[in-house]
Amino acid sequence: DSQGNTVMEKWMVDGMGHDWSGGSTAGSYTDPNGPDMSLIIWNFFNGTSSEPTEPTDPEDPADPEDPADPEDPEDPEDPEEPVNYESEYGTATEHYVAGRLDYDGYLEMGSKYGYSTYFWLYRVEGSTEWTDEEPNGTTEPTDPEEPTDPEEPTDPEDPEDPEDPAIATITNTGAQSGYVKANNDGSGAVVGTLSNLAIGAGSDGMQNRTILSFDTSSIPEDATITRAYITVDYSSGWGDPWTNGTMKVDVKSGYFGASESVEADVYSAEATASSVAEVNKFTTGTQSSTDFNQAGVDAINTTGITQVRLGFDWNPSAYNYVFIGGGAAPQLVVEFE
């Protein structure tokens, strides 16, 4: 307005559908990878400006951004003089809530890394500014009243760091996946013929279950799996098969059937671990399941194939189904140490 106050802000988020930006995956029509719109709205009405601050005067001798004298032996910016610093790990929102980022920094880091991605921030001892650039040639601060720890600090980017587990993202083997439909009591099972994978009740009233297949032999046999979940892509659907139940995830160490081919008997074949996770309702984009419980984690086969069966824990009526993308679209994500 005429006083220089912001009275309107417009946000454009590339690649996002008809979703609420920054929401939780537990809700409907949300995209957690976008900026946190609830926080942005609060800051707008709370009077917090998203406009960048005025740049500091480079000639101001008191300016903390004034370049350091390279000949000053006590200059903390001197690359030959180590400087103590601290580091914190979190998302842009967590850093903002903890006070490590101001609103402009929150927007900058959220745009750079994504609002749900974890990254490191560093602060040189004696400074109030946090940055994502690790100080060169520096060490973690030690307590001056305590003896110096002889062990080297853990590199936050070291893949063997227990806080940074290895991640295997394994795509579905399309030739070993498919879907099977049967009557409500499980009888009359037949293999489906469409390229996309059905779950729920089709126009014929039969119940559909989908089989996904993952080659998990790339995971070291001696690895400790700490987390696992699947992701699937929405293709199409009709009605609401989640009305009176949920989509459950069963896991089989090996094949549900006698061979790699999806046959009718896999509809009710015994799983190594049943109902290890759920896939909440979604009507667009990509959806992740909840994390596998311990039985599901233990069922992952590190020497061969692990299969997953998706189906509802109740029998929806006709025309209440969802199709997910087949081929390599489904993924199994495994974190291990």
C-alpha atoms as a PDB file:
ATOM      1  CA  ASP A   1       0.000   0.000   0.000  1.00  0.00           C
ATOM      2  CA  SER A   2       1.046   3.664   0.165  1.00  0.00           C
ATOM      3  CA  GLN A   3       2.917   3.030   3.438  1.00  0.00           C
ATOM      4  CA  GLY A   4       4.940   0.196   1.937  1.00  0.00           C
ATOM      5  CA  ASN A   5       3.068  -2.573   3.776  1.00  0.00           C
ATOM      6  CA  THR A   6       2.458  -5.899   2.040  1.00  0.00           C
ATOM      7  CA  VAL A   7      -1.292  -6.435   1.640  1.00  0.00           C
ATOM      8  CA  MET A   8      -1.234  -9.462  -0.654  1.00  0.00           C
ATOM      9  CA  GLU A   9       1.105 -12.364  -1.413  1.00  0.00           C
ATOM     10  CA  LYS A  10       0.752 -14.863  -4.272  1.00  0.00           C
ATOM     11  CA  TRP A  11       2.527 -18.240  -4.214  1.00  0.00           C
ATOM     12  CA  MET A  12       3.005 -20.465  -7.266  1.00  0.00           C
ATOM     13  CA  VAL A  13       4.272 -24.006  -6.562  1.00  0.00           C
ATOM     14  CA  ASP A  14       5.560 -25.815  -9.659  1.00  0.00           C
ATOM     15  CA  GLY A  15       4.462 -29.408 -10.149  1.00  0.00           C
ATOM     16  CA  MET A  16       1.847 -29.510  -7.391  1.00  0.00           C
ATOM     17  CA  GLY A  17      -1.687 -30.651  -8.129  1.00  0.00           C
ATOM     18  CA  HIS A  18      -4.920 -29.626  -6.393  1.00  0.00           C
ATOM     19  CA  ASP A  19      -3.407 -30.143  -2.933  1.00  0.00           C
ATOM     20  CA  TRP A  20      -2.696 -28.237   0.272  1.00  0.00           C
ATOM     21  CA  SER A  21       1.005 -27.379   0.210  1.00  0.00           C
ATOM     22  CA  GLY A  22       3.054 -28.546   3.179  1.00  0.00           C
ATOM     23  CA  GLY A  23       0.331 -30.740   4.668  1.00  0.00           C
ATOM     24  CA  SER A  24       0.649 -34.147   6.310  1.00  0.00           C
ATOM     25  CA  THR A  25       0.455 -37.375   4.282  1.00  0.00           C
ATOM     26  CA  ALA A  26      -2.116 -38.566   6.836  1.00  0.00           C
ATOM     27  CA  GLY A  27      -4.659 -36.138   5.382  1.00  0.00           C
ATOM     28  CA  SER A  28      -6.402 -35.912   2.023  1.00  0.00           C
ATOM     29  CA  TYR A  29      -5.292 -33.685  -0.843  1.00  0.00           C
ATOM     30  CA  THR A  30      -1.994 -32.705   0.760  1.00  0.00           C
ATOM     31  CA  ASP A  31       1.567 -32.408  -0.559  1.00  0.00           C
ATOM     32  CA  PRO A  32       4.234 -32.437   2.212  1.00  0.00           C
ATOM     33  CA  ASN A  33       6.993 -31.590  -0.288  1.00  0.00           C
ATOM     34  CA  GLY A  34       5.709 -28.045  -0.902  1.00  0.00           C
ATOM     35  CA  PRO A  35       6.227 -25.003   1.335  1.00  0.00           C
ATOM     36  CA  ASP A  36       4.277 -24.964   4.616  1.00  0.00           C
ATOM     37  CA  MET A  37       1.297 -22.794   3.639  1.00  0.00           C
ATOM     38  CA  SER A  38      -0.157 -22.816   7.172  1.00  0.00           C
ATOM     39  CA  LEU A  39       3.052 -21.260   8.459  1.00  0.00           C
ATOM     40  CA  ILE A  40       3.173 -18.778   5.566  1.00  0.00           C
ATOM     41  CA  ILE A  41      -0.440 -17.665   6.221  1.00  0.00           C
ATOM     42  CA  TRP A  42       0.273 -17.264   9.927  1.00  0.00           C
ATOM     43  CA  ASN A  43       3.365 -15.161   9.225  1.00  0.00           C
ATOM     44  CA  PHE A  44       1.441 -12.975   6.757  1.00  0.00           C
ATOM     45  CA  PHE A  45      -1.344 -12.128   9.199  1.00  0.00           C
ATOM     46  CA  ASN A  46       1.148 -11.893  12.046  1.00  0.00           C
ATOM     47  CA  GLY A  47       2.901  -9.086  10.156  1.00  0.00           C
ATOM     48  CA  THR A  48       6.052 -11.026   9.299  1.00  0.00           C
ATOM     49  CA  SER A  49       7.292  -9.846   5.925  1.00  0.00           C
ATOM     50  CA  SER A  50       8.646 -12.262   3.362  1.00  0.00           C
ATOM     51  CA  GLU A  51      10.444  -9.394   1.614  1.00  0.00           C
ATOM     52  CA  PRO A  52      14.269  -9.665   1.742  1.00  0.00           C
ATOM     53  CA  THR A  53      16.018  -7.411   4.239  1.00  0.00           C
ATOM     54  CA  GLU A  54      18.126  -4.478   3.134  1.00  0.00           C
ATOM     55  CA  PRO A  55      21.706  -5.515   2.272  1.00  0.00           C
ATOM     56  CA  THR A  56      24.394  -4.459   4.710  1.00  0.00           C
ATOM     57  CA  ASP A  57      26.851  -1.737   3.788  1.00  0.00           C
ATOM     58  CA  PRO A  58      30.083  -3.463   2.678  1.00  0.00           C
ATOM     59  CA  GLU A  59      32.042  -0.378   3.732  1.00  0.00           C
ATOM     60  CA  ASP A  60      30.634  -0.304   7.260  1.00  0.00           C
ATOM     61  CA  PRO A  61      33.529  -1.300   9.578  1.00  0.00           C
ATOM     62  CA  ALA A  62      31.057  -2.752  12.074  1.00  0.00           C
ATOM     63  CA  ASP A  63      29.335  -4.854   9.402  1.00  0.00           C
ATOM     64  CA  PRO A  64      29.599  -8.560  10.436  1.00  0.00           C
ATOM     65  CA  GLU A  65      29.715  -9.441   6.754  1.00  0.00           C
ATOM     66  CA  ASP A  66      32.860  -7.303   6.277  1.00  0.00           C
ATOM     67  CA  PRO A  67      35.508  -9.582   4.713  1.00  0.00           C
ATOM     68  CA  ALA A  68      38.077 -10.728   7.222  1.00  0.00           C
ATOM     69  CA  ASP A  69      41.700  -9.570   7.076  1.00  0.00           C
ATOM     70  CA  PRO A  70      43.650 -12.536   5.648  1.00  0.00           C
ATOM     71  CA  GLU A  71      46.798 -11.343   7.437  1.00  0.00           C
ATOM     72  CA  ASP A  72      45.201 -11.186  10.890  1.00  0.00           C
ATOM     73  CA  PRO A  73      46.549 -14.278  12.755  1.00  0.00           C
ATOM     74  CA  GLU A  74      43.540 -14.288  15.106  1.00  0.00           C
ATOM     75  CA  ASP A  75      40.972 -13.830  12.329  1.00  0.00           C
ATOM     76  CA  PRO A  76      38.345 -16.616  12.706  1.00  0.00           C
ATOM     77  CA  GLU A  77      37.956 -16.630   8.932  1.00  0.00           C
ATOM     78  CA  ASP A  78      41.655 -17.417   8.451  1.00  0.00           C
ATOM     79  CA  PRO A  79      41.716 -20.847   6.727  1.00  0.00           C
ATOM     80  CA  GLU A  80      44.865 -21.746   8.656  1.00  0.00           C
ATOM     81  CA  GLU A  81      43.232 -21.091  12.036  1.00  0.00           C
ATOM     82  CA  PRO A  82      40.608 -23.724  13.077  1.00  0.00           C
ATOM     83  CA  VAL A  83      37.336 -22.333  14.416  1.00  0.00           C
ATOM     84  CA  ASN A  84      34.879 -24.123  16.684  1.00  0.00           C
ATOM     85  CA  TYR A  85      31.336 -24.571  15.410  1.00  0.00           C
ATOM     86  CA  GLU A  86      28.130 -26.442  16.196  1.00  0.00           C
ATOM     87  CA  SER A  87      25.741 -28.241  13.859  1.00  0.00           C
ATOM     88  CA  GLU A  88      22.042 -29.172  13.894  1.00  0.00           C
ATOM     89  CA  TYR A  89      20.051 -31.547  11.643  1.00  0.00           C
ATOM     90  CA  GLY A  90      16.414 -30.934  10.650  1.00  0.00           C
ATOM     91  CA  THR A  91      13.917 -29.787   8.016  1.00  0.00           C
ATOM     92  CA  ALA A  92      13.443 -26.152   7.026  1.00  0.00           C
ATOM     93  CA  THR A  93      10.341 -25.996   9.244  1.00  0.00           C
ATOM     94  CA  GLU A  94      12.122 -27.548  12.233  1.00  0.00           C
ATOM     95  CA  HIS A  95      15.069 -25.154  11.866  1.00  0.00           C
ATOM     96  CA  TYR A  96      12.635 -22.218  11.663  1.00  0.00           C
ATOM     97  CA  VAL A  97      10.635 -23.290  14.728  1.00  0.00           C
ATOM     98  CA  ALA A  98      13.893 -23.797  16.681  1.00  0.00           C
ATOM     99  CA  GLY A  99      14.961 -20.231  15.849  1.00  0.00           C
ATOM    100  CA  ARG A 100      17.926 -21.187  13.673  1.00  0.00           C
ATOM    101  CA  LEU A 101      16.306 -19.627  10.588  1.00  0.00           C
ATOM    102  CA  ASP A 102      14.338 -16.422  10.249  1.00  0.00           C
ATOM    103  CA  TYR A 103      11.360 -16.309   7.903  1.00  0.00           C
ATOM    104  CA  ASP A 104      13.441 -15.342   4.864  1.00  0.00           C
ATOM    105  CA  GLY A 105      15.918 -18.108   5.659  1.00  0.00           C
ATOM    106  CA  TYR A 106      13.047 -20.589   6.017  1.00  0.00           C
ATOM    107  CA  LEU A 107      11.809 -19.705   2.532  1.00  0.00           C
ATOM    108  CA  GLU A 108      15.313 -19.846   1.062  1.00  0.00           C
ATOM    109  CA  MET A 109      16.210 -23.239   2.546  1.00  0.00           C
ATOM    110  CA  GLY A 110      12.751 -24.673   1.831  1.00  0.00           C
ATOM    111  CA  SER A 111      13.140 -23.687  -1.810  1.00  0.00           C
ATOM    112  CA  LYS A 112      16.681 -25.083  -1.918  1.00  0.00           C
ATOM    113  CA  TYR A 113      16.175 -28.441  -0.170  1.00  0.00           C
ATOM    114  CA  GLY A 114      12.391 -28.956  -0.054  1.00  0.00           C
ATOM    115  CA  TYR A 115      10.308 -28.400   3.058  1.00  0.00           C
ATOM    116  CA  SER A 116      10.296 -32.030   4.231  1.00  0.00           C
ATOM    117  CA  THR A 117      13.974 -32.849   3.533  1.00  0.00           C
ATOM    118  CA  TYR A 118      16.494 -32.999   6.385  1.00  0.00           C
ATOM    119  CA  PHE A 119      19.758 -31.052   6.069  1.00  0.00           C
ATOM    120  CA  TRP A 120      22.559 -29.686   8.286  1.00  0.00           C
ATOM    121  CA  LEU A 121      22.939 -26.132   9.562  1.00  0.00           C
ATOM    122  CA  TYR A 122      26.188 -24.824  11.080  1.00  0.00           C
ATOM    123  CA  ARG A 123      27.023 -21.915  13.388  1.00  0.00           C
ATOM    124  CA  VAL A 124      30.545 -20.724  14.118  1.00  0.00           C
ATOM    125  CA  GLU A 125      31.189 -20.266  17.842  1.00  0.00           C
ATOM    126  CA  GLY A 126      30.480 -16.678  18.834  1.00  0.00           C
ATOM    127  CA  SER A 127      28.194 -16.026  15.854  1.00  0.00           C
ATOM    128  CA  THR A 128      24.401 -15.812  15.800  1.00  0.00           C
ATOM    129  CA  GLU A 129      24.084 -16.779  12.122  1.00  0.00           C
ATOM    130  CA  TRP A 130      23.283 -20.314  10.996  1.00  0.00           C
ATOM    131  CA  THR A 131      24.299 -21.447   7.478  1.00  0.00           C
ATOM    132  CA  ASP A 132      24.126 -24.624   5.437  1.00  0.00           C
ATOM    133  CA  GLU A 133      27.772 -24.265   4.401  1.00  0.00           C
ATOM    134  CA  GLU A 134      30.048 -26.291   6.648  1.00  0.00           C
ATOM    135  CA  PRO A 135      33.027 -24.211   7.865  1.00  0.00           C
ATOM    136  CA  ASN A 136      36.281 -25.389   6.264  1.00  0.00           C
ATOM    137  CA  GLY A 137      39.009 -26.699   8.512  1.00  0.00           C
ATOM    138  CA  THR A 138      36.946 -26.400  11.682  1.00  0.00           C
ATOM    139  CA  THR A 139      36.020 -28.705  14.514  1.00  0.00           C
ATOM    140  CA  GLU A 140      33.066 -29.195  16.792  1.00  0.00           C
ATOM    141  CA  PRO A 141      33.331 -26.994  19.928  1.00  0.00           C
ATOM    142  CA  THR A 142      34.630 -28.619  23.093  1.00  0.00           C
ATOM    143  CA  ASP A 143      33.758 -27.722  26.664  1.00  0.00           C
ATOM    144  CA  PRO A 144      36.671 -25.613  27.999  1.00  0.00           C
ATOM    145  CA  GLU A 145      36.186 -27.177  31.431  1.00  0.00           C
ATOM    146  CA  GLU A 146      36.307 -30.725  30.103  1.00  0.00           C
ATOM    147  CA  PRO A 147      39.292 -32.601  28.591  1.00  0.00           C
ATOM    148  CA  THR A 148      39.328 -32.670  24.820  1.00  0.00           C
ATOM    149  CA  ASP A 149      37.760 -35.786  23.345  1.00  0.00           C
ATOM    150  CA  PRO A 150      40.539 -37.694  21.532  1.00  0.00           C
ATOM    151  CA  GLU A 151      38.030 -39.103  19.049  1.00  0.00           C
ATOM    152  CA  GLU A 152      37.458 -37.302  15.788  1.00  0.00           C
ATOM    153  CA  PRO A 153      33.921 -35.891  15.370  1.00  0.00           C
ATOM    154  CA  THR A 154      31.644 -37.963  13.175  1.00  0.00           C
ATOM    155  CA  ASP A 155      31.325 -36.712   9.621  1.00  0.00           C
ATOM    156  CA  PRO A 156      27.584 -35.977   9.105  1.00  0.00           C
ATOM    157  CA  GLU A 157      27.944 -37.055   5.496  1.00  0.00           C
ATOM    158  CA  ASP A 158      29.709 -40.326   6.348  1.00  0.00           C
ATOM    159  CA  PRO A 159      27.483 -43.195   5.075  1.00  0.00           C
ATOM    160  CA  GLU A 160      28.514 -45.228   8.121  1.00  0.00           C
ATOM    161  CA  ASP A 161      27.241 -42.578  10.518  1.00  0.00           C
ATOM    162  CA  PRO A 162      24.486 -44.284  12.583  1.00  0.00           C
ATOM    163  CA  GLU A 163      22.371 -41.149  12.201  1.00  0.00           C
ATOM    164  CA  ASP A 164      22.551 -41.426   8.414  1.00  0.00           C
ATOM    165  CA  PRO A 165      21.417 -44.966   7.467  1.00  0.00           C
ATOM    166  CA  ALA A 166      21.868 -46.398   4.005  1.00  0.00           C
ATOM    167  CA  ILE A 167      18.756 -46.314   1.823  1.00  0.00           C
ATOM    168  CA  ALA A 168      17.813 -48.784  -0.909  1.00  0.00           C
ATOM    169  CA  THR A 169      14.990 -47.751  -3.255  1.00  0.00           C
ATOM    170  CA  ILE A 170      13.905 -50.880  -5.131  1.00  0.00           C
ATOM    171  CA  THR A 171      11.509 -50.740  -8.084  1.00  0.00           C
ATOM    172  CA  ASN A 172       8.792 -53.263  -8.781  1.00  0.00           C
ATOM    173  CA  THR A 173       9.536 -56.082 -11.229  1.00  0.00           C
ATOM    174  CA  GLY A 174       6.605 -55.735 -13.618  1.00  0.00           C
ATOM    175  CA  ALA A 175       6.848 -59.254 -15.062  1.00  0.00           C
ATOM    176  CA  GLN A 176       6.404 -60.726 -11.581  1.00  0.00           C
ATOM    177  CA  SER A 177       3.519 -58.496 -10.494  1.00  0.00           C
ATOM    178  CA  GLY A 178      -0.199 -58.330 -11.281  1.00  0.00           C
ATOM    179  CA  TYR A 179      -3.609 -58.521  -9.664  1.00  0.00           C
ATOM    180  CA  VAL A 180      -6.101 -61.296  -8.876  1.00  0.00           C
ATOM    181  CA  LYS A 181      -9.841 -61.008  -8.250  1.00  0.00           C
ATOM    182  CA  ALA A 182     -12.177 -63.359  -6.385  1.00  0.00           C
ATOM    183  CA  ASN A 183     -15.625 -63.560  -4.861  1.00  0.00           C
ATOM    184  CA  ASN A 184     -16.208 -62.124  -1.378  1.00  0.00           C
ATOM    185  CA  ASP A 185     -15.460 -65.512   0.194  1.00  0.00           C
ATOM    186  CA  GLY A 186     -12.231 -65.911  -1.810  1.00  0.00           C
ATOM    187  CA  SER A 187     -13.629 -68.463  -4.236  1.00  0.00           C
ATOM    188  CA  GLY A 188     -13.479 -68.299  -8.024  1.00  0.00           C
ATOM    189  CA  ALA A 189     -10.152 -66.446  -8.130  1.00  0.00           C
ATOM    190  CA  VAL A 190      -8.856 -65.417 -11.565  1.00  0.00           C
ATOM    191  CA  VAL A 191      -5.863 -63.343 -12.712  1.00  0.00           C
ATOM    192  CA  GLY A 192      -6.627 -59.818 -13.919  1.00  0.00           C
ATOM    193  CA  THR A 193      -5.542 -58.792 -17.410  1.00  0.00           C
ATOM    194  CA  LEU A 194      -5.157 -54.991 -17.321  1.00  0.00           C
ATOM    195  CA  SER A 195      -1.736 -53.277 -17.252  1.00  0.00           C
ATOM    196  CA  ASN A 196      -2.592 -51.115 -14.256  1.00  0.00           C
ATOM    197  CA  LEU A 197      -3.142 -52.872 -10.942  1.00  0.00           C
ATOM    198  CA  ALA A 198      -6.590 -53.038  -9.298  1.00  0.00           C
ATOM    199  CA  ILE A 199      -7.452 -53.010  -5.593  1.00  0.00           C
ATOM    200  CA  GLY A 200     -11.054 -53.042  -4.343  1.00  0.00           C
ATOM    201  CA  ALA A 201     -14.329 -54.109  -6.015  1.00  0.00           C
ATOM    202  CA  GLY A 202     -14.813 -53.722  -9.780  1.00  0.00           C
ATOM    203  CA  SER A 203     -17.992 -53.519 -11.836  1.00  0.00           C
ATOM    204  CA  ASP A 204     -18.451 -57.296 -11.500  1.00  0.00           C
ATOM    205  CA  GLY A 205     -18.474 -57.018  -7.683  1.00  0.00           C
ATOM    206  CA  MET A 206     -15.374 -59.222  -7.317  1.00  0.00           C
ATOM    207  CA  GLN A 207     -12.626 -58.209  -4.883  1.00  0.00           C
ATOM    208  CA  ASN A 208      -9.223 -57.313  -6.370  1.00  0.00           C
ATOM    209  CA  ARG A 209      -5.832 -57.730  -4.711  1.00  0.00           C
ATOM    210  CA  THR A 210      -2.484 -56.653  -6.183  1.00  0.00           C
ATOM    211  CA  ILE A 211       0.884 -58.423  -6.004  1.00  0.00           C
ATOM    212  CA  LEU A 212       4.136 -56.388  -6.193  1.00  0.00           C
ATOM    213  CA  SER A 213       7.559 -57.997  -6.515  1.00  0.00           C
ATOM    214  CA  PHE A 214      10.925 -56.572  -5.428  1.00  0.00           C
ATOM    215  CA  ASP A 215      14.447 -57.983  -5.787  1.00  0.00           C
ATOM    216  CA  THR A 216      15.840 -57.197  -2.330  1.00  0.00           C
ATOM    217  CA  SER A 217      19.086 -59.152  -2.714  1.00  0.00           C
ATOM    218  CA  SER A 218      21.046 -55.876  -2.959  1.00  0.00           C
ATOM    219  CA  ILE A 219      20.572 -55.343   0.788  1.00  0.00           C
ATOM    220  CA  PRO A 220      23.577 -56.800   2.674  1.00  0.00           C
ATOM    221  CA  GLU A 221      22.706 -60.028   4.483  1.00  0.00           C
ATOM    222  CA  ASP A 222      24.242 -58.752   7.720  1.00  0.00           C
ATOM    223  CA  ALA A 223      22.426 -55.397   7.535  1.00  0.00           C
ATOM    224  CA  THR A 224      20.066 -54.271  10.292  1.00  0.00           C
ATOM    225  CA  ILE A 225      16.915 -52.957   8.615  1.00  0.00           C
ATOM    226  CA  THR A 226      15.576 -49.979  10.559  1.00  0.00           C
ATOM    227  CA  ARG A 227      12.693 -48.890   8.343  1.00  0.00           C
ATOM    228  CA  ALA A 228      10.717 -50.017   5.282  1.00  0.00           C
ATOM    229  CA  TYR A 229       7.684 -48.779   3.370  1.00  0.00           C
ATOM    230  CA  ILE A 230       6.242 -48.832  -0.156  1.00  0.00           C
ATOM    231  CA  THR A 231       5.186 -46.045  -2.513  1.00  0.00           C
ATOM    232  CA  VAL A 232       2.501 -46.377  -5.210  1.00  0.00           C
ATOM    233  CA  ASP A 233       1.175 -44.038  -7.918  1.00  0.00           C
ATOM    234  CA  TYR A 234      -2.514 -43.275  -8.410  1.00  0.00           C
ATOM    235  CA  SER A 235      -3.781 -44.164 -11.905  1.00  0.00           C
ATOM    236  CA  SER A 236      -7.589 -44.018 -11.678  1.00  0.00           C
ATOM    237  CA  GLY A 237     -10.471 -45.105  -9.482  1.00  0.00           C
ATOM    238  CA  TRP A 238     -14.159 -45.058  -8.723  1.00  0.00           C
ATOM    239  CA  GLY A 239     -16.140 -44.678  -5.519  1.00  0.00           C
ATOM    240  CA  ASP A 240     -14.402 -44.899  -2.156  1.00  0.00           C
ATOM    241  CA  PRO A 241     -13.074 -48.337  -1.160  1.00  0.00           C
ATOM    242  CA  TRP A 242     -11.750 -46.808   2.104  1.00  0.00           C
ATOM    243  CA  THR A 243     -15.302 -46.116   3.378  1.00  0.00           C
ATOM    244  CA  ASN A 244     -15.409 -48.916   5.963  1.00  0.00           C
ATOM    245  CA  GLY A 245     -11.806 -50.096   6.121  1.00  0.00           C
ATOM    246  CA  THR A 246      -8.244 -49.623   4.991  1.00  0.00           C
ATOM    247  CA  MET A 247      -5.809 -50.932   2.418  1.00  0.00           C
ATOM    248  CA  LYS A 248      -3.518 -53.396   4.157  1.00  0.00           C
ATOM    249  CA  VAL A 249      -0.015 -54.562   3.225  1.00  0.00           C
ATOM    250  CA  ASP A 250       1.048 -58.215   3.470  1.00  0.00           C
ATOM    251  CA  VAL A 251       4.694 -59.284   2.961  1.00  0.00           C
ATOM    252  CA  LYS A 252       6.066 -62.576   1.647  1.00  0.00           C
ATOM    253  CA  SER A 253       9.723 -63.586   1.877  1.00  0.00           C
ATOM    254  CA  GLY A 254       9.939 -65.077  -1.602  1.00  0.00           C
ATOM    255  CA  TYR A 255       6.937 -65.630  -3.908  1.00  0.00           C
ATOM    256  CA  PHE A 256       3.314 -65.880  -2.781  1.00  0.00           C
ATOM    257  CA  GLY A 257       2.832 -68.594  -5.408  1.00  0.00           C
ATOM    258  CA  ALA A 258       4.818 -71.589  -6.562  1.00  0.00           C
ATOM    259  CA  SER A 259       6.784 -69.523  -9.106  1.00  0.00           C
ATOM    260  CA  GLU A 260       7.461 -65.943 -10.157  1.00  0.00           C
ATOM    261  CA  SER A 261       4.273 -65.859 -12.246  1.00  0.00           C
ATOM    262  CA  VAL A 262       1.157 -64.390 -10.621  1.00  0.00           C
ATOM    263  CA  GLU A 263      -1.412 -67.183 -10.444  1.00  0.00           C
ATOM    264  CA  ALA A 264      -4.963 -67.263  -9.074  1.00  0.00           C
ATOM    265  CA  ASP A 265      -3.951 -68.965  -5.813  1.00  0.00           C
ATOM    266  CA  VAL A 266      -1.898 -65.943  -4.631  1.00  0.00           C
ATOM    267  CA  TYR A 267      -5.188 -64.179  -3.771  1.00  0.00           C
ATOM    268  CA  SER A 268      -5.431 -66.080  -0.466  1.00  0.00           C
ATOM    269  CA  ALA A 269      -1.897 -67.520  -0.188  1.00  0.00           C
ATOM    270  CA  GLU A 270      -0.329 -67.331   3.258  1.00  0.00           C
ATOM    271  CA  ALA A 271       1.944 -64.340   3.880  1.00  0.00           C
ATOM    272  CA  THR A 272       5.143 -64.358   5.908  1.00  0.00           C
ATOM    273  CA  ALA A 273       3.741 -61.345   7.766  1.00  0.00           C
ATOM    274  CA  SER A 274       0.184 -60.009   7.404  1.00  0.00           C
ATOM    275  CA  SER A 275      -1.147 -56.463   7.829  1.00  0.00           C
ATOM    276  CA  VAL A 276       2.325 -55.014   8.412  1.00  0.00           C
ATOM    277  CA  ALA A 277       1.354 -51.522   7.184  1.00  0.00           C
ATOM    278  CA  GLU A 278      -1.495 -49.506   5.655  1.00  0.00           C
ATOM    279  CA  VAL A 279      -1.930 -47.317   2.589  1.00  0.00           C
ATOM    280  CA  ASN A 280      -4.147 -44.378   3.487  1.00  0.00           C
ATOM    281  CA  LYS A 281      -6.723 -42.943   1.097  1.00  0.00           C
ATOM    282  CA  PHE A 282      -5.341 -41.001  -1.871  1.00  0.00           C
ATOM    283  CA  THR A 283      -6.904 -39.844  -5.138  1.00  0.00           C
ATOM    284  CA  THR A 284      -3.927 -38.367  -6.971  1.00  0.00           C
ATOM    285  CA  GLY A 285      -0.137 -38.427  -7.127  1.00  0.00           C
ATOM    286  CA  THR A 286       2.094 -40.768  -5.125  1.00  0.00           C
ATOM    287  CA  GLN A 287       1.203 -42.269  -1.749  1.00  0.00           C
ATOM    288  CA  SER A 288       3.532 -43.897   0.773  1.00  0.00           C
ATOM    289  CA  SER A 289       2.402 -46.628   3.105  1.00  0.00           C
ATOM    290  CA  THR A 290       2.917 -46.387   6.826  1.00  0.00           C
ATOM    291  CA  ASP A 291       6.187 -47.894   8.035  1.00  0.00           C
ATOM    292  CA  PHE A 292       6.294 -51.685   8.176  1.00  0.00           C
ATOM    293  CA  ASN A 293       5.962 -53.111  11.667  1.00  0.00           C
ATOM    294  CA  GLN A 294       8.777 -55.303  12.989  1.00  0.00           C
ATOM    295  CA  ALA A 295       7.230 -58.484  11.540  1.00  0.00           C
ATOM    296  CA  GLY A 296       7.135 -56.828   8.115  1.00  0.00           C
ATOM    297  CA  VAL A 297      10.748 -55.657   8.411  1.00  0.00           C
ATOM    298  CA  ASP A 298      11.853 -59.155   9.439  1.00  0.00           C
ATOM    299  CA  ALA A 299      10.071 -60.650   6.402  1.00  0.00           C
ATOM    300  CA  ILE A 300      12.231 -58.743   3.895  1.00  0.00           C
ATOM    301  CA  ASN A 301      14.378 -61.276   2.058  1.00  0.00           C
ATOM    302  CA  THR A 302      17.968 -60.044   1.732  1.00  0.00           C
ATOM    303  CA  THR A 303      18.950 -63.005  -0.433  1.00  0.00           C
ATOM    304  CA  GLY A 304      16.263 -62.830  -3.133  1.00  0.00           C
ATOM    305  CA  ILE A 305      12.685 -61.733  -3.813  1.00  0.00           C
ATOM    306  CA  THR A 306      10.299 -59.991  -1.441  1.00  0.00           C
ATOM    307  CA  GLN A 307       6.670 -59.714  -2.545  1.00  0.00           C
ATOM    308  CA  VAL A 308       3.932 -57.412  -1.248  1.00  0.00           C
ATOM    309  CA  ARG A 309       0.169 -57.972  -1.478  1.00  0.00           C
ATOM    310  CA  LEU A 310      -2.242 -55.034  -1.328  1.00  0.00           C
ATOM    311  CA  GLY A 311      -5.908 -55.508  -0.518  1.00  0.00           C
ATOM    312  CA  PHE A 312      -8.688 -54.042   1.604  1.00  0.00           C
ATOM    313  CA  ASP A 313      -9.518 -55.489   5.012  1.00  0.00           C
ATOM    314  CA  TRP A 314     -13.225 -55.517   4.130  1.00  0.00           C
ATOM    315  CA  ASN A 315     -15.277 -56.275   1.006  1.00  0.00           C
ATOM    316  CA  PRO A 316     -16.311 -53.037  -0.731  1.00  0.00           C
ATOM    317  CA  SER A 317     -19.418 -53.121  -2.904  1.00  0.00           C
ATOM    318  CA  ALA A 318     -19.172 -52.939  -6.712  1.00  0.00           C
ATOM    319  CA  TYR A 319     -17.636 -49.820  -8.252  1.00  0.00           C
ATOM    320  CA  ASN A 320     -15.429 -49.021  -5.269  1.00  0.00           C
ATOM    321  CA  TYR A 321     -11.859 -49.513  -6.417  1.00  0.00           C
ATOM    322  CA  VAL A 322      -8.523 -47.827  -7.147  1.00  0.00           C
ATOM    323  CA  PHE A 323      -6.006 -48.545  -9.907  1.00  0.00           C
ATOM    324  CA  ILE A 324      -2.303 -47.971  -9.209  1.00  0.00           C
ATOM    325  CA  GLY A 325       0.432 -47.714 -11.829  1.00  0.00           C
ATOM    326  CA  GLY A 326       2.133 -50.970 -12.730  1.00  0.00           C
ATOM    327  CA  GLY A 327       5.562 -51.712 -14.154  1.00  0.00           C
ATOM    328  CA  ALA A 328       8.428 -50.002 -12.319  1.00  0.00           C
ATOM    329  CA  ALA A 329       6.192 -47.346 -10.691  1.00  0.00           C
ATOM    330  CA  PRO A 330       5.720 -49.046  -7.287  1.00  0.00           C
ATOM    331  CA  GLN A 331       8.779 -48.866  -5.036  1.00  0.00           C
ATOM    332  CA  LEU A 332       9.997 -50.483  -1.834  1.00  0.00           C
ATOM    333  CA  VAL A 333      12.164 -48.166   0.264  1.00  0.00           C
ATOM    334  CA  VAL A 334      14.427 -49.837   2.828  1.00  0.00           C
ATOM    335  CA  GLU A 335      16.693 -48.074   5.346  1.00  0.00           C
ATOM    336  CA  PHE A 336      19.406 -50.137   6.985  1.00  0.00           C
ATOM    337  CA  GLU A 337      22.639 -49.962   8.944  1.00  0.00           C
END
